[in-house]
Amino acid sequence: MAKTQDFTAVFQDMMGAFPVDNKAFEDAFKTQASLNEKLSGVALQAAEKSTEISTKWTKDTLSKMAEMSKARKDPADYAKAMTDFASASAEVAAENMAAFAEVAKKVQTDTVELMMAAGKDVSEEATAAMKKATDDVTSAAKKTAAK
């Protein structure tokens, strides 16, 4: 009776010969952590700038309200104070909305730049990892075949 090949042993030898490159996983993790840190920085910077704009807007509005609420001698002066307040508020609102739009634009630009840079890094790392893996698999396959 012919002896059959023990494919289980061959398969175990072959799988044992394939190296696992933990450095590729570590590099990918570091790249992801770095990207997350940079994206968080963009978000925090935007939140800080938005808070500054909101705070300034609130202070401006309160100072204008204080001016508007002063006692007047002539009743017509109250109407003028209200008109002045409404006009100033509309102007300040337009300025602040433009400032918020600039913050949003900067967030978008910075995020796109980070994602493009990260994509380039990931692509380069993946290419290097695949080349190394291909070389390692080829070498392992040759060793297994030589047994």
N, C-alpha and C. Protein backbone atom coordinates (compact mmCIF):
# COMPACT_ATOMS: atom_id res chain seq x y z
N MET A 1 0.85 -1.17 0.00
CA MET A 1 0.00 0.00 0.00
C MET A 1 0.90 1.23 0.00
N ALA A 2 0.58 2.18 -0.83
CA ALA A 2 1.40 3.38 -0.95
C ALA A 2 1.13 4.30 0.23
N LYS A 3 2.20 4.90 0.70
CA LYS A 3 2.07 5.83 1.83
C LYS A 3 1.63 7.19 1.30
N THR A 4 0.58 7.74 1.89
CA THR A 4 0.08 9.04 1.44
C THR A 4 0.84 10.15 2.16
N GLN A 5 0.98 11.23 1.44
CA GLN A 5 1.69 12.41 1.98
C GLN A 5 0.88 13.01 3.13
N ASP A 6 1.56 13.38 4.20
CA ASP A 6 0.91 14.03 5.34
C ASP A 6 0.83 15.53 5.06
N PHE A 7 -0.29 15.94 4.45
CA PHE A 7 -0.45 17.35 4.07
C PHE A 7 -0.62 18.25 5.29
N THR A 8 -1.08 17.71 6.39
CA THR A 8 -1.22 18.52 7.60
C THR A 8 0.15 19.02 8.04
N ALA A 9 1.12 18.14 8.06
CA ALA A 9 2.48 18.53 8.47
C ALA A 9 3.08 19.52 7.48
N VAL A 10 2.85 19.28 6.19
CA VAL A 10 3.37 20.20 5.17
C VAL A 10 2.74 21.58 5.35
N PHE A 11 1.43 21.60 5.57
CA PHE A 11 0.73 22.87 5.74
C PHE A 11 1.23 23.60 7.00
N GLN A 12 1.43 22.86 8.10
CA GLN A 12 1.94 23.48 9.32
C GLN A 12 3.34 24.03 9.11
N ASP A 13 4.18 23.29 8.41
CA ASP A 13 5.53 23.77 8.12
C ASP A 13 5.48 25.05 7.28
N MET A 14 4.60 25.03 6.29
CA MET A 14 4.49 26.18 5.39
C MET A 14 3.99 27.42 6.15
N MET A 15 2.96 27.26 6.98
CA MET A 15 2.42 28.39 7.73
C MET A 15 3.43 28.89 8.77
N GLY A 16 4.17 27.99 9.36
CA GLY A 16 5.19 28.38 10.32
C GLY A 16 6.32 29.15 9.67
N ALA A 17 6.55 28.89 8.40
CA ALA A 17 7.63 29.55 7.68
C ALA A 17 7.26 30.97 7.24
N PHE A 18 5.95 31.28 7.22
CA PHE A 18 5.54 32.62 6.82
C PHE A 18 5.72 33.58 8.00
N PRO A 19 6.58 34.53 7.84
CA PRO A 19 6.81 35.47 8.94
C PRO A 19 5.67 36.50 9.05
N VAL A 20 5.44 36.95 10.26
CA VAL A 20 4.48 38.02 10.49
C VAL A 20 5.27 39.27 10.84
N ASP A 21 5.06 40.33 10.08
CA ASP A 21 5.81 41.56 10.28
C ASP A 21 5.04 42.49 11.22
N ASN A 22 5.38 42.42 12.51
CA ASN A 22 4.70 43.26 13.49
C ASN A 22 5.04 44.73 13.31
N LYS A 23 6.19 45.02 12.72
CA LYS A 23 6.59 46.41 12.52
C LYS A 23 5.60 47.13 11.61
N ALA A 24 5.08 46.43 10.61
CA ALA A 24 4.09 47.04 9.71
C ALA A 24 2.84 47.44 10.49
N PHE A 25 2.41 46.59 11.43
CA PHE A 25 1.26 46.92 12.26
C PHE A 25 1.57 48.11 13.17
N GLU A 26 2.77 48.12 13.75
CA GLU A 26 3.18 49.22 14.62
C GLU A 26 3.24 50.53 13.84
N ASP A 27 3.80 50.48 12.64
CA ASP A 27 3.89 51.69 11.81
C ASP A 27 2.51 52.20 11.45
N ALA A 28 1.60 51.30 11.11
CA ALA A 28 0.23 51.70 10.76
C ALA A 28 -0.45 52.33 11.97
N PHE A 29 -0.24 51.76 13.15
CA PHE A 29 -0.83 52.31 14.37
C PHE A 29 -0.27 53.70 14.65
N LYS A 30 1.04 53.86 14.50
CA LYS A 30 1.67 55.16 14.74
C LYS A 30 1.16 56.21 13.75
N THR A 31 1.01 55.81 12.51
CA THR A 31 0.50 56.73 11.49
C THR A 31 -0.92 57.17 11.84
N GLN A 32 -1.75 56.21 12.24
CA GLN A 32 -3.14 56.52 12.60
C GLN A 32 -3.19 57.41 13.84
N ALA A 33 -2.35 57.11 14.84
CA ALA A 33 -2.33 57.92 16.06
C ALA A 33 -1.87 59.35 15.75
N SER A 34 -0.89 59.48 14.88
CA SER A 34 -0.39 60.80 14.50
C SER A 34 -1.48 61.59 13.76
N LEU A 35 -2.18 60.93 12.85
CA LEU A 35 -3.26 61.59 12.12
C LEU A 35 -4.35 62.03 13.08
N ASN A 36 -4.73 61.17 14.02
CA ASN A 36 -5.76 61.52 15.00
C ASN A 36 -5.34 62.72 15.83
N GLU A 37 -4.07 62.77 16.21
CA GLU A 37 -3.56 63.89 17.00
C GLU A 37 -3.67 65.19 16.20
N LYS A 38 -3.29 65.14 14.93
CA LYS A 38 -3.34 66.34 14.09
C LYS A 38 -4.78 66.78 13.84
N LEU A 39 -5.67 65.83 13.59
CA LEU A 39 -7.09 66.17 13.38
C LEU A 39 -7.70 66.76 14.66
N SER A 40 -7.32 66.21 15.81
CA SER A 40 -7.81 66.76 17.07
C SER A 40 -7.31 68.18 17.26
N GLY A 41 -6.05 68.42 16.87
CA GLY A 41 -5.50 69.77 16.96
C GLY A 41 -6.28 70.75 16.11
N VAL A 42 -6.65 70.34 14.91
CA VAL A 42 -7.45 71.20 14.02
C VAL A 42 -8.80 71.51 14.67
N ALA A 43 -9.45 70.48 15.21
CA ALA A 43 -10.76 70.66 15.83
C ALA A 43 -10.67 71.56 17.07
N LEU A 44 -9.65 71.35 17.89
CA LEU A 44 -9.51 72.16 19.10
C LEU A 44 -9.19 73.61 18.77
N GLN A 45 -8.35 73.81 17.77
CA GLN A 45 -8.02 75.17 17.34
C GLN A 45 -9.28 75.89 16.83
N ALA A 46 -10.09 75.17 16.06
CA ALA A 46 -11.34 75.75 15.55
C ALA A 46 -12.30 76.08 16.70
N ALA A 47 -12.39 75.18 17.67
CA ALA A 47 -13.27 75.42 18.81
C ALA A 47 -12.79 76.64 19.61
N GLU A 48 -11.49 76.77 19.77
CA GLU A 48 -10.93 77.91 20.50
C GLU A 48 -11.24 79.22 19.77
N LYS A 49 -11.01 79.23 18.46
CA LYS A 49 -11.26 80.44 17.67
C LYS A 49 -12.76 80.78 17.67
N SER A 50 -13.61 79.76 17.53
CA SER A 50 -15.05 79.99 17.55
C SER A 50 -15.50 80.56 18.89
N THR A 51 -14.92 80.07 19.97
CA THR A 51 -15.25 80.58 21.30
C THR A 51 -14.82 82.03 21.44
N GLU A 52 -13.65 82.37 20.90
CA GLU A 52 -13.19 83.76 20.94
C GLU A 52 -14.16 84.67 20.18
N ILE A 53 -14.60 84.23 19.02
CA ILE A 53 -15.54 85.02 18.22
C ILE A 53 -16.85 85.20 18.98
N SER A 54 -17.37 84.11 19.55
CA SER A 54 -18.63 84.18 20.30
C SER A 54 -18.52 85.11 21.50
N THR A 55 -17.40 85.00 22.21
CA THR A 55 -17.20 85.84 23.40
C THR A 55 -17.14 87.31 23.01
N LYS A 56 -16.39 87.63 21.97
CA LYS A 56 -16.29 89.02 21.51
C LYS A 56 -17.65 89.53 21.06
N TRP A 57 -18.39 88.70 20.33
CA TRP A 57 -19.71 89.08 19.85
C TRP A 57 -20.65 89.39 21.03
N THR A 58 -20.60 88.53 22.04
CA THR A 58 -21.45 88.73 23.22
C THR A 58 -21.08 90.03 23.94
N LYS A 59 -19.77 90.27 24.12
CA LYS A 59 -19.33 91.50 24.78
C LYS A 59 -19.77 92.73 23.99
N ASP A 60 -19.60 92.69 22.67
CA ASP A 60 -20.02 93.81 21.83
C ASP A 60 -21.52 94.06 21.97
N THR A 61 -22.30 93.00 21.93
CA THR A 61 -23.76 93.13 22.04
C THR A 61 -24.15 93.71 23.39
N LEU A 62 -23.52 93.21 24.46
CA LEU A 62 -23.85 93.71 25.80
C LEU A 62 -23.50 95.19 25.95
N SER A 63 -22.37 95.59 25.39
CA SER A 63 -21.99 97.01 25.51
C SER A 63 -22.96 97.88 24.72
N LYS A 64 -23.40 97.40 23.57
CA LYS A 64 -24.37 98.15 22.77
C LYS A 64 -25.74 98.20 23.48
N MET A 65 -26.09 97.12 24.17
CA MET A 65 -27.35 97.11 24.91
C MET A 65 -27.28 98.08 26.09
N ALA A 66 -26.11 98.16 26.71
CA ALA A 66 -25.96 99.11 27.82
C ALA A 66 -26.16 100.53 27.33
N GLU A 67 -25.61 100.83 26.16
CA GLU A 67 -25.77 102.16 25.58
C GLU A 67 -27.24 102.42 25.23
N MET A 68 -27.90 101.41 24.66
CA MET A 68 -29.29 101.56 24.25
C MET A 68 -30.22 101.73 25.45
N SER A 69 -29.89 101.14 26.58
CA SER A 69 -30.80 101.15 27.73
C SER A 69 -30.66 102.40 28.61
N LYS A 70 -29.77 103.30 28.25
CA LYS A 70 -29.62 104.55 29.04
C LYS A 70 -30.89 105.41 28.93
N ALA A 71 -31.14 106.14 30.00
CA ALA A 71 -32.30 107.03 30.02
C ALA A 71 -32.08 108.20 29.05
N ARG A 72 -33.13 108.58 28.37
CA ARG A 72 -33.07 109.67 27.39
C ARG A 72 -34.04 110.78 27.81
N LYS A 73 -33.71 112.02 27.39
CA LYS A 73 -34.59 113.15 27.71
C LYS A 73 -35.79 113.18 26.77
N ASP A 74 -35.49 112.95 25.50
CA ASP A 74 -36.55 113.08 24.49
C ASP A 74 -37.01 111.67 24.07
N PRO A 75 -38.32 111.41 24.01
CA PRO A 75 -38.81 110.10 23.58
C PRO A 75 -38.31 109.69 22.18
N ALA A 76 -38.07 110.63 21.32
CA ALA A 76 -37.56 110.32 19.97
C ALA A 76 -36.15 109.74 20.05
N ASP A 77 -35.42 110.08 21.11
CA ASP A 77 -34.05 109.55 21.28
C ASP A 77 -34.07 108.04 21.52
N TYR A 78 -35.16 107.55 22.11
CA TYR A 78 -35.28 106.10 22.32
C TYR A 78 -35.39 105.36 20.98
N ALA A 79 -36.16 105.93 20.08
CA ALA A 79 -36.31 105.33 18.75
C ALA A 79 -34.97 105.34 18.03
N LYS A 80 -34.23 106.45 18.16
CA LYS A 80 -32.92 106.54 17.51
C LYS A 80 -31.96 105.52 18.13
N ALA A 81 -32.00 105.37 19.46
CA ALA A 81 -31.12 104.41 20.14
C ALA A 81 -31.43 102.98 19.66
N MET A 82 -32.71 102.68 19.51
CA MET A 82 -33.10 101.35 19.02
C MET A 82 -32.64 101.13 17.59
N THR A 83 -32.78 102.14 16.76
CA THR A 83 -32.35 102.05 15.36
C THR A 83 -30.84 101.87 15.29
N ASP A 84 -30.12 102.65 16.09
CA ASP A 84 -28.65 102.54 16.12
C ASP A 84 -28.23 101.14 16.58
N PHE A 85 -28.92 100.62 17.61
CA PHE A 85 -28.60 99.28 18.12
C PHE A 85 -28.85 98.22 17.05
N ALA A 86 -29.98 98.31 16.38
CA ALA A 86 -30.32 97.32 15.35
C ALA A 86 -29.32 97.37 14.21
N SER A 87 -28.95 98.56 13.80
CA SER A 87 -27.99 98.73 12.71
C SER A 87 -26.62 98.18 13.11
N ALA A 88 -26.16 98.53 14.31
CA ALA A 88 -24.86 98.04 14.79
C ALA A 88 -24.88 96.53 14.96
N SER A 89 -25.98 95.99 15.45
CA SER A 89 -26.09 94.54 15.64
C SER A 89 -26.02 93.80 14.32
N ALA A 90 -26.68 94.34 13.31
CA ALA A 90 -26.65 93.70 11.98
C ALA A 90 -25.24 93.72 11.42
N GLU A 91 -24.54 94.82 11.60
CA GLU A 91 -23.16 94.94 11.11
C GLU A 91 -22.24 93.96 11.83
N VAL A 92 -22.36 93.89 13.14
CA VAL A 92 -21.53 92.98 13.94
C VAL A 92 -21.86 91.53 13.59
N ALA A 93 -23.12 91.23 13.37
CA ALA A 93 -23.52 89.87 13.01
C ALA A 93 -22.88 89.46 11.69
N ALA A 94 -22.88 90.35 10.72
CA ALA A 94 -22.27 90.04 9.43
C ALA A 94 -20.77 89.79 9.59
N GLU A 95 -20.12 90.63 10.37
CA GLU A 95 -18.67 90.46 10.61
C GLU A 95 -18.37 89.13 11.29
N ASN A 96 -19.17 88.81 12.30
CA ASN A 96 -18.92 87.57 13.04
C ASN A 96 -19.26 86.32 12.23
N MET A 97 -20.29 86.40 11.42
CA MET A 97 -20.61 85.26 10.56
C MET A 97 -19.49 85.03 9.55
N ALA A 98 -18.90 86.12 9.05
CA ALA A 98 -17.76 86.00 8.14
C ALA A 98 -16.57 85.37 8.88
N ALA A 99 -16.38 85.75 10.14
CA ALA A 99 -15.28 85.17 10.93
C ALA A 99 -15.51 83.67 11.15
N PHE A 100 -16.75 83.29 11.45
CA PHE A 100 -17.07 81.86 11.61
C PHE A 100 -16.84 81.12 10.30
N ALA A 101 -17.20 81.74 9.19
CA ALA A 101 -16.98 81.10 7.88
C ALA A 101 -15.50 80.89 7.61
N GLU A 102 -14.66 81.83 8.03
CA GLU A 102 -13.21 81.69 7.87
C GLU A 102 -12.68 80.53 8.71
N VAL A 103 -13.21 80.37 9.91
CA VAL A 103 -12.80 79.25 10.76
C VAL A 103 -13.18 77.93 10.09
N ALA A 104 -14.40 77.85 9.58
CA ALA A 104 -14.86 76.63 8.91
C ALA A 104 -14.01 76.34 7.67
N LYS A 105 -13.69 77.38 6.92
CA LYS A 105 -12.87 77.22 5.71
C LYS A 105 -11.48 76.69 6.08
N LYS A 106 -10.90 77.22 7.16
CA LYS A 106 -9.57 76.77 7.60
C LYS A 106 -9.62 75.31 8.06
N VAL A 107 -10.67 74.94 8.78
CA VAL A 107 -10.83 73.55 9.21
C VAL A 107 -10.90 72.64 7.99
N GLN A 108 -11.68 73.03 7.01
CA GLN A 108 -11.81 72.21 5.80
C GLN A 108 -10.47 72.08 5.08
N THR A 109 -9.77 73.19 4.89
CA THR A 109 -8.48 73.17 4.21
C THR A 109 -7.46 72.32 4.96
N ASP A 110 -7.36 72.55 6.27
CA ASP A 110 -6.40 71.79 7.08
C ASP A 110 -6.72 70.30 7.07
N THR A 111 -8.01 69.95 7.14
CA THR A 111 -8.41 68.55 7.15
C THR A 111 -8.08 67.87 5.82
N VAL A 112 -8.36 68.55 4.72
CA VAL A 112 -8.04 67.99 3.40
C VAL A 112 -6.53 67.78 3.27
N GLU A 113 -5.74 68.77 3.70
CA GLU A 113 -4.28 68.64 3.63
C GLU A 113 -3.80 67.46 4.47
N LEU A 114 -4.33 67.32 5.68
CA LEU A 114 -3.93 66.20 6.55
C LEU A 114 -4.31 64.86 5.94
N MET A 115 -5.52 64.78 5.40
CA MET A 115 -5.97 63.51 4.82
C MET A 115 -5.15 63.14 3.58
N MET A 116 -4.79 64.13 2.78
CA MET A 116 -3.96 63.84 1.60
C MET A 116 -2.56 63.38 2.02
N ALA A 117 -1.99 64.05 3.03
CA ALA A 117 -0.67 63.66 3.52
C ALA A 117 -0.72 62.27 4.13
N ALA A 118 -1.78 62.00 4.90
CA ALA A 118 -1.92 60.68 5.52
C ALA A 118 -2.12 59.61 4.46
N GLY A 119 -2.90 59.91 3.44
CA GLY A 119 -3.10 58.95 2.35
C GLY A 119 -1.81 58.61 1.66
N LYS A 120 -0.98 59.62 1.45
CA LYS A 120 0.33 59.40 0.83
C LYS A 120 1.20 58.52 1.73
N ASP A 121 1.23 58.84 3.03
CA ASP A 121 2.03 58.04 3.97
C ASP A 121 1.53 56.60 4.02
N VAL A 122 0.23 56.42 4.11
CA VAL A 122 -0.35 55.07 4.19
C VAL A 122 -0.04 54.30 2.91
N SER A 123 -0.15 54.96 1.78
CA SER A 123 0.13 54.31 0.50
C SER A 123 1.58 53.85 0.44
N GLU A 124 2.49 54.72 0.86
CA GLU A 124 3.91 54.37 0.85
C GLU A 124 4.19 53.20 1.80
N GLU A 125 3.59 53.26 3.00
CA GLU A 125 3.78 52.19 3.98
C GLU A 125 3.19 50.88 3.47
N ALA A 126 2.02 50.95 2.86
CA ALA A 126 1.38 49.74 2.36
C ALA A 126 2.21 49.13 1.23
N THR A 127 2.75 49.97 0.36
CA THR A 127 3.59 49.46 -0.73
C THR A 127 4.83 48.77 -0.18
N ALA A 128 5.47 49.41 0.78
CA ALA A 128 6.68 48.82 1.39
C ALA A 128 6.34 47.52 2.11
N ALA A 129 5.21 47.51 2.85
CA ALA A 129 4.81 46.30 3.58
C ALA A 129 4.48 45.16 2.61
N MET A 130 3.78 45.49 1.51
CA MET A 130 3.43 44.45 0.54
C MET A 130 4.67 43.89 -0.15
N LYS A 131 5.62 44.75 -0.44
CA LYS A 131 6.86 44.29 -1.08
C LYS A 131 7.60 43.36 -0.14
N LYS A 132 7.69 43.77 1.14
CA LYS A 132 8.39 42.93 2.11
C LYS A 132 7.65 41.61 2.31
N ALA A 133 6.33 41.68 2.40
CA ALA A 133 5.53 40.46 2.59
C ALA A 133 5.70 39.52 1.40
N THR A 134 5.70 40.08 0.20
CA THR A 134 5.88 39.27 -1.01
C THR A 134 7.24 38.59 -1.00
N ASP A 135 8.26 39.36 -0.64
CA ASP A 135 9.61 38.79 -0.57
C ASP A 135 9.67 37.68 0.49
N ASP A 136 9.07 37.93 1.65
CA ASP A 136 9.09 36.94 2.74
C ASP A 136 8.32 35.68 2.35
N VAL A 137 7.16 35.85 1.72
CA VAL A 137 6.34 34.70 1.32
C VAL A 137 7.07 33.89 0.25
N THR A 138 7.68 34.60 -0.69
CA THR A 138 8.44 33.90 -1.74
C THR A 138 9.56 33.09 -1.13
N SER A 139 10.28 33.70 -0.20
CA SER A 139 11.39 33.00 0.46
C SER A 139 10.89 31.80 1.26
N ALA A 140 9.78 31.98 1.99
CA ALA A 140 9.21 30.89 2.78
C ALA A 140 8.73 29.76 1.89
N ALA A 141 8.11 30.12 0.77
CA ALA A 141 7.62 29.10 -0.15
C ALA A 141 8.77 28.29 -0.73
N LYS A 142 9.88 28.96 -1.04
CA LYS A 142 11.04 28.28 -1.58
C LYS A 142 11.63 27.32 -0.54
N LYS A 143 11.67 27.78 0.73
CA LYS A 143 12.19 26.91 1.81
C LYS A 143 11.30 25.67 1.98
N THR A 144 9.98 25.90 1.94
CA THR A 144 9.04 24.80 2.12
C THR A 144 9.15 23.81 0.96
N ALA A 145 9.30 24.36 -0.23
CA ALA A 145 9.40 23.50 -1.42
C ALA A 145 10.69 22.69 -1.42
N ALA A 146 11.73 23.25 -0.80
CA ALA A 146 13.02 22.57 -0.79
C ALA A 146 13.04 21.40 0.20
N LYS A 147 12.09 21.34 1.11
CA LYS A 147 12.05 20.27 2.12
C LYS A 147 11.66 18.96 1.54
